[in-house]
Amino acid sequence: MKVLSLHKPFGWLGPQPRHSLPSIILRLGVWGLASLLAPLPARAQNPRAGDPQAESENKQPSRAASLTVASQGRSQPNYQVFAYKTPLPQVLELSNLTVAVGAVVINLSSANRIPPQDKQALAGLLGVPVSVVQRVLARVSRESGGDPERFRQDLHDTVMDYKYLRDRWARYHPPAESTKEKTEALAALEDGDVDKAWEIFRSLPRPQPPGVPRIVGLR
């Protein structure tokens, strides 16, 4: 029996597990600054840049685009600190096609057909709506090919994304005339559509950096 932990430490933080939280935050901040300062790829590397057809295609939502948005969100320091502090249960690999999360045993070849009571139990164990669990199980049956590690990763990412976005949206207090995005995002999360909640979150306007103060000489 193999244990697949849903809560894995971040490998790039180094092999030592005894880092203090301030040290982790400092490392994440440095890494995030380096990412922001990295040069953008030249336009010449994208031969379809400016192509109206390509731009039209890019406007169509896709799972791949949603995964890119989620991946960018997970790379942010505040997400990684949140994930580091949020434990999740382990996944036990019972066989090549069978895993257990708590008392719930899942056959990965037919994961979306587990009994409703097992879906409820799994959702309760993970602290997410049943709709989140249902979407993960449906993807596993359709895409994973019965791979326990791929299931563990998908379950970890989806559950952590839900918890992080639920927390962030709960902290977001827009003006009364600008509550549409928050309402739509929270509805998407309760429906298990974490990808949509990410897209709305990433589309929010970011604060502009403060302007350079004007120095007025004394006379």
C-alpha atoms as a PDB file:
ATOM      1  CA  MET A   1       0.000   0.000   0.000  1.00  0.00           C
ATOM      2  CA  LYS A   2       1.399   3.367  -1.047  1.00  0.00           C
ATOM      3  CA  VAL A   3       0.626   6.688   0.641  1.00  0.00           C
ATOM      4  CA  LEU A   4       0.122   9.698  -1.633  1.00  0.00           C
ATOM      5  CA  SER A   5       0.010  12.808   0.528  1.00  0.00           C
ATOM      6  CA  LEU A   6      -2.388  15.536  -0.574  1.00  0.00           C
ATOM      7  CA  HIS A   7      -0.353  18.072   1.381  1.00  0.00           C
ATOM      8  CA  LYS A   8       3.142  18.030  -0.113  1.00  0.00           C
ATOM      9  CA  PRO A   9       5.835  20.551   0.922  1.00  0.00           C
ATOM     10  CA  PHE A  10       7.124  22.718  -1.880  1.00  0.00           C
ATOM     11  CA  GLY A  11      10.267  21.094  -3.222  1.00  0.00           C
ATOM     12  CA  TRP A  12      11.897  24.334  -4.271  1.00  0.00           C
ATOM     13  CA  LEU A  13      11.905  25.512  -0.671  1.00  0.00           C
ATOM     14  CA  GLY A  14      14.664  22.945  -0.129  1.00  0.00           C
ATOM     15  CA  PRO A  15      14.748  19.513   1.475  1.00  0.00           C
ATOM     16  CA  GLN A  16      14.798  20.833   5.037  1.00  0.00           C
ATOM     17  CA  PRO A  17      11.273  20.852   6.563  1.00  0.00           C
ATOM     18  CA  ARG A  18      12.166  23.100   9.506  1.00  0.00           C
ATOM     19  CA  HIS A  19      11.941  26.500   7.850  1.00  0.00           C
ATOM     20  CA  SER A  20      10.051  29.083   9.864  1.00  0.00           C
ATOM     21  CA  LEU A  21       7.046  30.762   8.283  1.00  0.00           C
ATOM     22  CA  PRO A  22       8.792  34.205   8.094  1.00  0.00           C
ATOM     23  CA  SER A  23      11.691  32.535   6.268  1.00  0.00           C
ATOM     24  CA  ILE A  24       9.280  30.897   3.816  1.00  0.00           C
ATOM     25  CA  ILE A  25       7.475  34.191   3.194  1.00  0.00           C
ATOM     26  CA  LEU A  26      10.819  35.913   2.537  1.00  0.00           C
ATOM     27  CA  ARG A  27      11.844  33.216   0.034  1.00  0.00           C
ATOM     28  CA  LEU A  28       8.452  33.422  -1.689  1.00  0.00           C
ATOM     29  CA  GLY A  29       8.731  37.212  -1.919  1.00  0.00           C
ATOM     30  CA  VAL A  30      12.176  37.017  -3.522  1.00  0.00           C
ATOM     31  CA  TRP A  31      10.979  34.382  -5.960  1.00  0.00           C
ATOM     32  CA  GLY A  32       7.908  36.423  -6.869  1.00  0.00           C
ATOM     33  CA  LEU A  33      10.045  39.546  -7.465  1.00  0.00           C
ATOM     34  CA  ALA A  34      12.363  37.559  -9.741  1.00  0.00           C
ATOM     35  CA  SER A  35       9.344  36.334 -11.721  1.00  0.00           C
ATOM     36  CA  LEU A  36       8.059  39.889 -12.161  1.00  0.00           C
ATOM     37  CA  LEU A  37      11.475  41.098 -13.374  1.00  0.00           C
ATOM     38  CA  ALA A  38      11.927  38.263 -15.892  1.00  0.00           C
ATOM     39  CA  PRO A  39      11.907  39.570 -19.496  1.00  0.00           C
ATOM     40  CA  LEU A  40       8.778  38.996 -21.545  1.00  0.00           C
ATOM     41  CA  PRO A  41       9.129  36.917 -24.737  1.00  0.00           C
ATOM     42  CA  ALA A  42       9.630  38.935 -27.897  1.00  0.00           C
ATOM     43  CA  ARG A  43       6.640  39.414 -30.183  1.00  0.00           C
ATOM     44  CA  ALA A  44       8.654  37.814 -32.961  1.00  0.00           C
ATOM     45  CA  GLN A  45       8.458  34.520 -31.103  1.00  0.00           C
ATOM     46  CA  ASN A  46       4.699  34.489 -31.724  1.00  0.00           C
ATOM     47  CA  PRO A  47       4.207  34.574 -35.509  1.00  0.00           C
ATOM     48  CA  ARG A  48       0.416  34.822 -35.085  1.00  0.00           C
ATOM     49  CA  ALA A  49       0.535  37.955 -32.921  1.00  0.00           C
ATOM     50  CA  GLY A  50      -1.845  40.526 -34.384  1.00  0.00           C
ATOM     51  CA  ASP A  51      -3.636  37.896 -36.474  1.00  0.00           C
ATOM     52  CA  PRO A  52      -7.409  38.620 -36.136  1.00  0.00           C
ATOM     53  CA  GLN A  53      -8.246  34.919 -36.455  1.00  0.00           C
ATOM     54  CA  ALA A  54      -5.770  34.003 -33.732  1.00  0.00           C
ATOM     55  CA  GLU A  55      -7.150  36.743 -31.475  1.00  0.00           C
ATOM     56  CA  SER A  56     -10.671  35.418 -32.037  1.00  0.00           C
ATOM     57  CA  GLU A  57      -9.557  31.914 -31.112  1.00  0.00           C
ATOM     58  CA  ASN A  58      -7.883  33.208 -27.975  1.00  0.00           C
ATOM     59  CA  LYS A  59     -11.172  34.681 -26.769  1.00  0.00           C
ATOM     60  CA  GLN A  60     -12.765  31.222 -26.660  1.00  0.00           C
ATOM     61  CA  PRO A  61     -12.562  29.719 -23.162  1.00  0.00           C
ATOM     62  CA  SER A  62     -10.846  26.353 -22.958  1.00  0.00           C
ATOM     63  CA  ARG A  63      -9.711  23.942 -20.264  1.00  0.00           C
ATOM     64  CA  ALA A  64      -6.091  24.543 -21.289  1.00  0.00           C
ATOM     65  CA  ALA A  65      -6.484  28.319 -20.884  1.00  0.00           C
ATOM     66  CA  SER A  66      -8.173  27.833 -17.513  1.00  0.00           C
ATOM     67  CA  LEU A  67      -5.320  25.610 -16.375  1.00  0.00           C
ATOM     68  CA  THR A  68      -2.859  28.329 -17.357  1.00  0.00           C
ATOM     69  CA  VAL A  69      -4.767  30.901 -15.293  1.00  0.00           C
ATOM     70  CA  ALA A  70      -4.858  28.515 -12.326  1.00  0.00           C
ATOM     71  CA  SER A  71      -1.155  27.710 -12.693  1.00  0.00           C
ATOM     72  CA  GLN A  72      -0.300  31.405 -12.634  1.00  0.00           C
ATOM     73  CA  GLY A  73      -2.426  31.855  -9.529  1.00  0.00           C
ATOM     74  CA  ARG A  74      -0.748  28.943  -7.751  1.00  0.00           C
ATOM     75  CA  SER A  75       2.667  30.469  -8.435  1.00  0.00           C
ATOM     76  CA  GLN A  76       1.848  33.553  -6.373  1.00  0.00           C
ATOM     77  CA  PRO A  77       3.544  33.764  -2.952  1.00  0.00           C
ATOM     78  CA  ASN A  78       0.300  34.319  -1.031  1.00  0.00           C
ATOM     79  CA  TYR A  79      -1.207  31.171  -2.580  1.00  0.00           C
ATOM     80  CA  GLN A  80       1.825  29.085  -1.689  1.00  0.00           C
ATOM     81  CA  VAL A  81       1.865  30.340   1.895  1.00  0.00           C
ATOM     82  CA  PHE A  82      -1.859  29.498   2.123  1.00  0.00           C
ATOM     83  CA  ALA A  83      -1.265  25.999   0.718  1.00  0.00           C
ATOM     84  CA  TYR A  84       1.662  25.425   3.063  1.00  0.00           C
ATOM     85  CA  LYS A  85      -0.554  26.202   6.054  1.00  0.00           C
ATOM     86  CA  THR A  86      -3.583  24.185   4.839  1.00  0.00           C
ATOM     87  CA  PRO A  87      -3.312  20.432   5.502  1.00  0.00           C
ATOM     88  CA  LEU A  88      -5.231  17.930   3.398  1.00  0.00           C
ATOM     89  CA  PRO A  89      -5.812  14.201   4.008  1.00  0.00           C
ATOM     90  CA  GLN A  90      -3.660  11.493   2.484  1.00  0.00           C
ATOM     91  CA  VAL A  91      -4.553   9.328  -0.489  1.00  0.00           C
ATOM     92  CA  LEU A  92      -3.764   5.644  -0.053  1.00  0.00           C
ATOM     93  CA  GLU A  93      -2.935   3.752  -3.237  1.00  0.00           C
ATOM     94  CA  LEU A  94      -4.485   0.313  -2.706  1.00  0.00           C
ATOM     95  CA  SER A  95      -3.779  -0.948  -6.223  1.00  0.00           C
ATOM     96  CA  ASN A  96      -3.054   0.383  -9.707  1.00  0.00           C
ATOM     97  CA  LEU A  97      -6.705   1.392 -10.090  1.00  0.00           C
ATOM     98  CA  THR A  98      -7.920   1.774  -6.511  1.00  0.00           C
ATOM     99  CA  VAL A  99      -7.292   4.509  -3.955  1.00  0.00           C
ATOM    100  CA  ALA A 100      -8.749   5.419  -0.577  1.00  0.00           C
ATOM    101  CA  VAL A 101      -9.287   8.857   0.914  1.00  0.00           C
ATOM    102  CA  GLY A 102     -10.272   8.360   4.518  1.00  0.00           C
ATOM    103  CA  ALA A 103     -12.888   5.619   4.529  1.00  0.00           C
ATOM    104  CA  VAL A 104     -13.891   6.280   0.905  1.00  0.00           C
ATOM    105  CA  VAL A 105     -12.533   3.710  -1.570  1.00  0.00           C
ATOM    106  CA  ILE A 106     -12.473   4.810  -5.214  1.00  0.00           C
ATOM    107  CA  ASN A 107     -11.998   2.703  -8.331  1.00  0.00           C
ATOM    108  CA  LEU A 108     -10.382   5.170 -10.721  1.00  0.00           C
ATOM    109  CA  SER A 109     -11.743   3.467 -13.830  1.00  0.00           C
ATOM    110  CA  SER A 110     -15.284   4.335 -12.712  1.00  0.00           C
ATOM    111  CA  ALA A 111     -14.676   7.119 -10.212  1.00  0.00           C
ATOM    112  CA  ASN A 112     -17.702   9.188 -11.219  1.00  0.00           C
ATOM    113  CA  ARG A 113     -19.993   6.251 -10.385  1.00  0.00           C
ATOM    114  CA  ILE A 114     -19.201   5.918  -6.687  1.00  0.00           C
ATOM    115  CA  PRO A 115     -22.344   5.999  -4.487  1.00  0.00           C
ATOM    116  CA  PRO A 116     -23.793   9.430  -3.560  1.00  0.00           C
ATOM    117  CA  GLN A 117     -23.122   8.780   0.126  1.00  0.00           C
ATOM    118  CA  ASP A 118     -19.423   8.267  -0.661  1.00  0.00           C
ATOM    119  CA  LYS A 119     -19.331  11.565  -2.554  1.00  0.00           C
ATOM    120  CA  GLN A 120     -20.926  13.246   0.456  1.00  0.00           C
ATOM    121  CA  ALA A 121     -18.415  11.628   2.806  1.00  0.00           C
ATOM    122  CA  LEU A 122     -15.469  12.647   0.601  1.00  0.00           C
ATOM    123  CA  ALA A 123     -16.733  16.234   0.355  1.00  0.00           C
ATOM    124  CA  GLY A 124     -17.118  16.402   4.125  1.00  0.00           C
ATOM    125  CA  LEU A 125     -13.616  15.021   4.682  1.00  0.00           C
ATOM    126  CA  LEU A 126     -12.111  17.588   2.292  1.00  0.00           C
ATOM    127  CA  GLY A 127     -14.268  20.496   3.442  1.00  0.00           C
ATOM    128  CA  VAL A 128     -15.681  21.332   0.000  1.00  0.00           C
ATOM    129  CA  PRO A 129     -19.121  21.150  -1.667  1.00  0.00           C
ATOM    130  CA  VAL A 130     -20.131  17.855  -3.276  1.00  0.00           C
ATOM    131  CA  SER A 131     -20.078  19.642  -6.636  1.00  0.00           C
ATOM    132  CA  VAL A 132     -16.285  20.066  -6.341  1.00  0.00           C
ATOM    133  CA  VAL A 133     -15.832  16.350  -5.681  1.00  0.00           C
ATOM    134  CA  GLN A 134     -18.136  15.435  -8.563  1.00  0.00           C
ATOM    135  CA  ARG A 135     -16.117  17.472 -11.053  1.00  0.00           C
ATOM    136  CA  VAL A 136     -12.841  15.894  -9.944  1.00  0.00           C
ATOM    137  CA  LEU A 137     -14.283  12.385 -10.165  1.00  0.00           C
ATOM    138  CA  ALA A 138     -15.725  13.085 -13.617  1.00  0.00           C
ATOM    139  CA  ARG A 139     -12.330  14.300 -14.878  1.00  0.00           C
ATOM    140  CA  VAL A 140     -10.591  11.278 -13.365  1.00  0.00           C
ATOM    141  CA  SER A 141     -12.889   8.872 -15.170  1.00  0.00           C
ATOM    142  CA  ARG A 142     -12.494  10.799 -18.424  1.00  0.00           C
ATOM    143  CA  GLU A 143      -8.834  11.849 -18.431  1.00  0.00           C
ATOM    144  CA  SER A 144      -6.569  10.177 -15.892  1.00  0.00           C
ATOM    145  CA  GLY A 145      -6.489   6.661 -17.324  1.00  0.00           C
ATOM    146  CA  GLY A 146      -6.588   5.273 -13.783  1.00  0.00           C
ATOM    147  CA  ASP A 147      -3.362   6.948 -12.664  1.00  0.00           C
ATOM    148  CA  PRO A 148      -3.397   7.316  -8.826  1.00  0.00           C
ATOM    149  CA  GLU A 149      -0.749  10.048  -8.820  1.00  0.00           C
ATOM    150  CA  ARG A 150      -2.613  12.083 -11.420  1.00  0.00           C
ATOM    151  CA  PHE A 151      -5.796  11.695  -9.368  1.00  0.00           C
ATOM    152  CA  ARG A 152      -3.983  12.837  -6.230  1.00  0.00           C
ATOM    153  CA  GLN A 153      -2.592  15.897  -7.997  1.00  0.00           C
ATOM    154  CA  ASP A 154      -5.943  16.872  -9.505  1.00  0.00           C
ATOM    155  CA  LEU A 155      -7.720  16.393  -6.185  1.00  0.00           C
ATOM    156  CA  HIS A 156      -5.060  18.389  -4.325  1.00  0.00           C
ATOM    157  CA  ASP A 157      -5.066  21.274  -6.819  1.00  0.00           C
ATOM    158  CA  THR A 158      -8.845  21.521  -7.090  1.00  0.00           C
ATOM    159  CA  VAL A 159      -9.503  21.347  -3.345  1.00  0.00           C
ATOM    160  CA  MET A 160      -6.714  23.795  -2.510  1.00  0.00           C
ATOM    161  CA  ASP A 161      -7.863  26.164  -5.265  1.00  0.00           C
ATOM    162  CA  TYR A 162     -11.400  26.072  -3.889  1.00  0.00           C
ATOM    163  CA  LYS A 163     -10.274  26.809  -0.336  1.00  0.00           C
ATOM    164  CA  TYR A 164      -7.919  29.587  -1.408  1.00  0.00           C
ATOM    165  CA  LEU A 165     -10.409  31.289  -3.728  1.00  0.00           C
ATOM    166  CA  ARG A 166     -13.226  30.961  -1.195  1.00  0.00           C
ATOM    167  CA  ASP A 167     -11.007  32.675   1.363  1.00  0.00           C
ATOM    168  CA  ARG A 168      -9.897  35.415  -1.036  1.00  0.00           C
ATOM    169  CA  TRP A 169     -13.384  36.172  -2.283  1.00  0.00           C
ATOM    170  CA  ALA A 170     -14.676  36.274   1.302  1.00  0.00           C
ATOM    171  CA  ARG A 171     -12.057  38.955   2.041  1.00  0.00           C
ATOM    172  CA  TYR A 172     -12.911  40.962  -1.078  1.00  0.00           C
ATOM    173  CA  HIS A 173     -15.359  43.787  -0.343  1.00  0.00           C
ATOM    174  CA  PRO A 174     -16.120  45.648  -3.574  1.00  0.00           C
ATOM    175  CA  PRO A 175     -18.208  48.830  -3.816  1.00  0.00           C
ATOM    176  CA  ALA A 176     -21.958  48.273  -3.866  1.00  0.00           C
ATOM    177  CA  GLU A 177     -22.105  48.901  -7.609  1.00  0.00           C
ATOM    178  CA  SER A 178     -19.351  46.361  -8.337  1.00  0.00           C
ATOM    179  CA  THR A 179     -20.540  43.200  -6.582  1.00  0.00           C
ATOM    180  CA  LYS A 180     -21.362  41.240  -9.760  1.00  0.00           C
ATOM    181  CA  GLU A 181     -17.940  39.602 -10.040  1.00  0.00           C
ATOM    182  CA  LYS A 182     -17.947  38.442  -6.427  1.00  0.00           C
ATOM    183  CA  THR A 183     -21.479  37.042  -6.716  1.00  0.00           C
ATOM    184  CA  GLU A 184     -20.615  35.159  -9.913  1.00  0.00           C
ATOM    185  CA  ALA A 185     -17.360  33.805  -8.487  1.00  0.00           C
ATOM    186  CA  LEU A 186     -18.954  32.526  -5.282  1.00  0.00           C
ATOM    187  CA  ALA A 187     -21.748  30.907  -7.303  1.00  0.00           C
ATOM    188  CA  ALA A 188     -19.134  29.233  -9.541  1.00  0.00           C
ATOM    189  CA  LEU A 189     -17.294  27.872  -6.491  1.00  0.00           C
ATOM    190  CA  GLU A 190     -20.460  26.416  -5.007  1.00  0.00           C
ATOM    191  CA  ASP A 191     -21.147  24.806  -8.398  1.00  0.00           C
ATOM    192  CA  GLY A 192     -17.671  23.289  -8.331  1.00  0.00           C
ATOM    193  CA  ASP A 193     -16.481  25.396 -11.271  1.00  0.00           C
ATOM    194  CA  VAL A 194     -13.101  26.388  -9.830  1.00  0.00           C
ATOM    195  CA  ASP A 195     -11.770  27.280 -13.306  1.00  0.00           C
ATOM    196  CA  LYS A 196     -14.422  29.983 -13.742  1.00  0.00           C
ATOM    197  CA  ALA A 197     -13.758  31.368 -10.256  1.00  0.00           C
ATOM    198  CA  TRP A 198     -10.051  31.636 -11.154  1.00  0.00           C
ATOM    199  CA  GLU A 199     -10.806  33.469 -14.402  1.00  0.00           C
ATOM    200  CA  ILE A 200     -13.017  36.016 -12.620  1.00  0.00           C
ATOM    201  CA  PHE A 201     -10.437  36.454  -9.865  1.00  0.00           C
ATOM    202  CA  ARG A 202      -7.606  37.066 -12.325  1.00  0.00           C
ATOM    203  CA  SER A 203      -9.717  39.577 -14.290  1.00  0.00           C
ATOM    204  CA  LEU A 204     -10.140  41.883 -11.294  1.00  0.00           C
ATOM    205  CA  PRO A 205      -8.315  45.212 -11.676  1.00  0.00           C
ATOM    206  CA  ARG A 206      -5.075  45.281  -9.761  1.00  0.00           C
ATOM    207  CA  PRO A 207      -4.007  48.328  -7.728  1.00  0.00           C
ATOM    208  CA  GLN A 208      -1.784  50.699  -9.670  1.00  0.00           C
ATOM    209  CA  PRO A 209       1.668  51.425  -8.234  1.00  0.00           C
ATOM    210  CA  PRO A 210       1.925  54.806  -6.537  1.00  0.00           C
ATOM    211  CA  GLY A 211       3.239  57.648  -8.654  1.00  0.00           C
ATOM    212  CA  VAL A 212       6.654  59.176  -8.114  1.00  0.00           C
ATOM    213  CA  PRO A 213       6.257  61.946  -5.505  1.00  0.00           C
ATOM    214  CA  ARG A 214       6.967  65.405  -6.768  1.00  0.00           C
ATOM    215  CA  ILE A 215       9.765  67.162  -4.898  1.00  0.00           C
ATOM    216  CA  VAL A 216       9.138  70.820  -4.359  1.00  0.00           C
ATOM    217  CA  GLY A 217      12.192  72.850  -3.360  1.00  0.00           C
ATOM    218  CA  LEU A 218      12.090  75.277  -0.488  1.00  0.00           C
ATOM    219  CA  ARG A 219      12.358  78.945  -1.260  1.00  0.00           C
END
